[in-house]
């Protein structure tokens, strides 16, 4: 991972700007999706990790009081068969093997696709 870090979204444990690639502490990553100030990591086994800005519950980890600077498992997906993730500006999406989807984060414009304008912490599927 490399780039400018404001909220720890690179998952390297700090907010130092990185000019050369650095190895992450998680292995077997199939997909990385980068939002405005958060990042989602999807492992080959379907485990989802999140790091970065916690606002709007966009990391899918409820009751955070600060930014995550290291990749942290998203508990909403433990045991689920996630096949793809997408990080938006202030929201995140996950696609399950069953073709169901989950959405969480800011929903002020209906971007979570759940039929309302309420934020979602990732505990319910769309």
Protein backbone atom coordinates (compact mmCIF):
# COMPACT_ATOMS: atom_id res chain seq x y z
CA UNK A 1 0.00 0.00 0.00
CA UNK A 2 1.20 3.52 -0.69
CA UNK A 3 -0.23 7.05 -0.67
CA UNK A 4 -1.32 9.88 1.58
CA UNK A 5 -2.85 8.82 4.87
CA UNK A 6 -5.23 10.99 6.87
CA UNK A 7 -7.33 8.39 8.70
CA UNK A 8 -5.09 5.31 8.66
CA UNK A 9 -6.83 4.02 5.53
CA UNK A 10 -3.70 2.28 4.25
CA UNK A 11 -3.84 -0.11 7.19
CA UNK A 12 -0.18 0.31 8.10
CA UNK A 13 -0.79 1.35 11.71
CA UNK A 14 -0.12 5.08 11.44
CA UNK A 15 -0.78 8.19 9.37
CA UNK A 16 2.65 8.59 7.76
CA UNK A 17 2.69 9.29 4.01
CA UNK A 18 4.09 6.32 2.09
CA UNK A 19 6.02 6.83 -1.16
CA UNK A 20 7.09 3.21 -1.74
CA UNK A 21 4.89 0.10 -1.48
CA UNK A 22 4.69 -1.57 1.95
CA UNK A 23 3.44 -5.05 2.77
CA UNK A 24 0.26 -5.40 4.80
CA UNK A 25 -0.12 -7.65 7.82
CA UNK A 26 -2.94 -9.66 6.20
CA UNK A 27 -2.37 -12.39 3.62
CA UNK A 28 -4.34 -14.02 0.82
CA UNK A 29 -6.05 -10.80 -0.22
CA UNK A 30 -8.24 -11.28 -3.28
CA UNK A 31 -9.59 -7.73 -3.59
CA UNK A 32 -8.94 -4.24 -2.24
CA UNK A 33 -11.48 -1.44 -2.58
CA UNK A 34 -10.56 2.12 -1.65
CA UNK A 35 -13.10 4.78 -0.70
CA UNK A 36 -12.46 8.44 0.02
CA UNK A 37 -10.91 7.74 3.42
CA UNK A 38 -11.41 4.04 4.13
CA UNK A 39 -10.31 0.75 2.62
CA UNK A 40 -11.90 -2.71 2.44
CA UNK A 41 -9.86 -5.89 2.03
CA UNK A 42 -11.40 -9.20 0.94
CA UNK A 43 -9.44 -12.38 1.58
CA UNK A 44 -9.66 -15.50 -0.60
CA UNK A 45 -11.75 -17.22 2.11
CA UNK A 46 -14.39 -14.44 2.11
CA UNK A 47 -13.20 -12.67 5.27
CA UNK A 48 -13.59 -8.88 5.07
CA UNK A 49 -11.27 -6.40 6.80
CA UNK A 50 -11.72 -2.63 7.05
CA UNK A 51 -9.45 0.26 7.96
CA UNK A 52 -9.64 4.06 7.93
CA UNK A 53 -12.28 6.62 8.85
CA UNK A 54 -15.08 5.28 11.04
CA UNK A 55 -17.73 7.97 10.44
CA UNK A 56 -21.18 6.94 9.20
CA UNK A 57 -20.52 3.29 10.18
CA UNK A 58 -19.01 2.81 6.71
CA UNK A 59 -16.51 0.26 8.03
CA UNK A 60 -19.34 -2.07 9.03
CA UNK A 61 -18.06 -2.13 12.61
CA UNK A 62 -20.57 -0.54 14.97
CA UNK A 63 -19.72 1.62 18.02
CA UNK A 64 -16.23 2.70 16.97
CA UNK A 65 -14.96 5.84 18.68
CA UNK A 66 -12.04 6.50 16.35
CA UNK A 67 -10.41 5.62 13.08
CA UNK A 68 -8.97 2.15 12.49
CA UNK A 69 -5.29 2.25 11.54
CA UNK A 70 -4.83 -1.47 11.05
CA UNK A 71 -7.09 -3.84 9.08
CA UNK A 72 -9.79 -5.17 11.40
CA UNK A 73 -12.22 -8.03 10.68
CA UNK A 74 -15.74 -6.84 9.96
CA UNK A 75 -17.84 -8.93 12.38
CA UNK A 76 -21.02 -8.62 10.30
CA UNK A 77 -19.43 -10.91 7.71
CA UNK A 78 -17.89 -13.59 9.92
CA UNK A 79 -18.99 -16.92 8.50
CA UNK A 80 -20.49 -15.33 5.38
CA UNK A 81 -19.41 -16.09 1.83
CA UNK A 82 -18.47 -12.61 0.60
CA UNK A 83 -17.20 -12.59 -2.99
CA UNK A 84 -16.77 -8.85 -3.65
CA UNK A 85 -16.59 -5.55 -1.76
CA UNK A 86 -16.83 -1.93 -2.81
CA UNK A 87 -15.89 1.17 -0.79
CA UNK A 88 -17.74 4.37 -1.71
CA UNK A 89 -17.25 7.90 -0.44
CA UNK A 90 -19.01 7.32 2.90
CA UNK A 91 -20.55 3.89 2.43
CA UNK A 92 -19.54 0.31 1.64
CA UNK A 93 -21.11 -2.64 -0.14
CA UNK A 94 -20.53 -6.38 -0.06
CA UNK A 95 -21.78 -9.09 -2.41
CA UNK A 96 -22.39 -12.58 -1.06
CA UNK A 97 -21.92 -15.83 -2.97
CA UNK A 98 -25.69 -16.25 -2.79
CA UNK A 99 -26.04 -12.99 -4.81
CA UNK A 100 -27.48 -11.19 -1.78
CA UNK A 101 -25.82 -7.91 -0.91
CA UNK A 102 -25.11 -5.93 2.24
CA UNK A 103 -24.70 -2.18 2.48
CA UNK A 104 -23.60 0.04 5.34
CA UNK A 105 -22.63 3.64 6.02
CA UNK A 106 -24.04 7.00 4.94
CA UNK A 107 -27.37 6.77 3.19
CA UNK A 108 -28.32 10.44 2.86
CA UNK A 109 -28.93 10.03 -0.89
CA UNK A 110 -30.26 6.47 -0.80
CA UNK A 111 -26.91 5.03 -1.92
CA UNK A 112 -27.35 1.93 0.26
CA UNK A 113 -30.31 0.83 -1.85
CA UNK A 114 -32.39 -0.26 1.13
CA UNK A 115 -35.50 1.85 0.47
CA UNK A 116 -34.89 4.52 3.11
CA UNK A 117 -32.42 7.28 4.02
CA UNK A 118 -31.16 5.82 7.32
CA UNK A 119 -27.55 4.86 8.03
CA UNK A 120 -26.83 1.14 8.30
CA UNK A 121 -24.09 -0.38 10.45
CA UNK A 122 -23.78 -3.56 8.39
CA UNK A 123 -25.94 -5.75 10.62
CA UNK A 124 -28.70 -6.09 8.02
CA UNK A 125 -28.71 -7.09 4.38
CA UNK A 126 -30.18 -5.04 1.57
